[in-house]
Amino acid sequence: MLVPYSANFLLHRRAMFPC
């Protein structure tokens, strides 16, 4: 559960703040 959750969070952050 923690693995997919972190992945989704990272994706959201990346979408909001694309480096």
Protein backbone atom coordinates (compact mmCIF):
# COMPACT_ATOMS: atom_id res chain seq x y z
CA MET A 1 0.00 0.00 0.00
CA LEU A 2 2.85 2.37 0.82
CA VAL A 3 4.61 1.67 -2.46
CA PRO A 4 1.73 2.59 -4.82
CA TYR A 5 0.79 5.50 -2.57
CA SER A 6 4.24 7.07 -2.75
CA ALA A 7 4.32 6.49 -6.50
CA ASN A 8 0.98 8.28 -6.96
CA PHE A 9 2.15 11.14 -4.75
CA LEU A 10 5.35 11.54 -6.77
CA LEU A 11 3.37 11.52 -10.02
CA HIS A 12 1.06 14.23 -8.71
CA ARG A 13 3.98 16.37 -7.54
CA ARG A 14 5.73 15.87 -10.87
CA ALA A 15 2.59 16.92 -12.74
CA MET A 16 2.25 20.03 -10.57
CA PHE A 17 5.96 20.85 -10.53
CA PRO A 18 7.62 19.39 -13.63
CA CYS A 19 11.38 19.70 -13.33
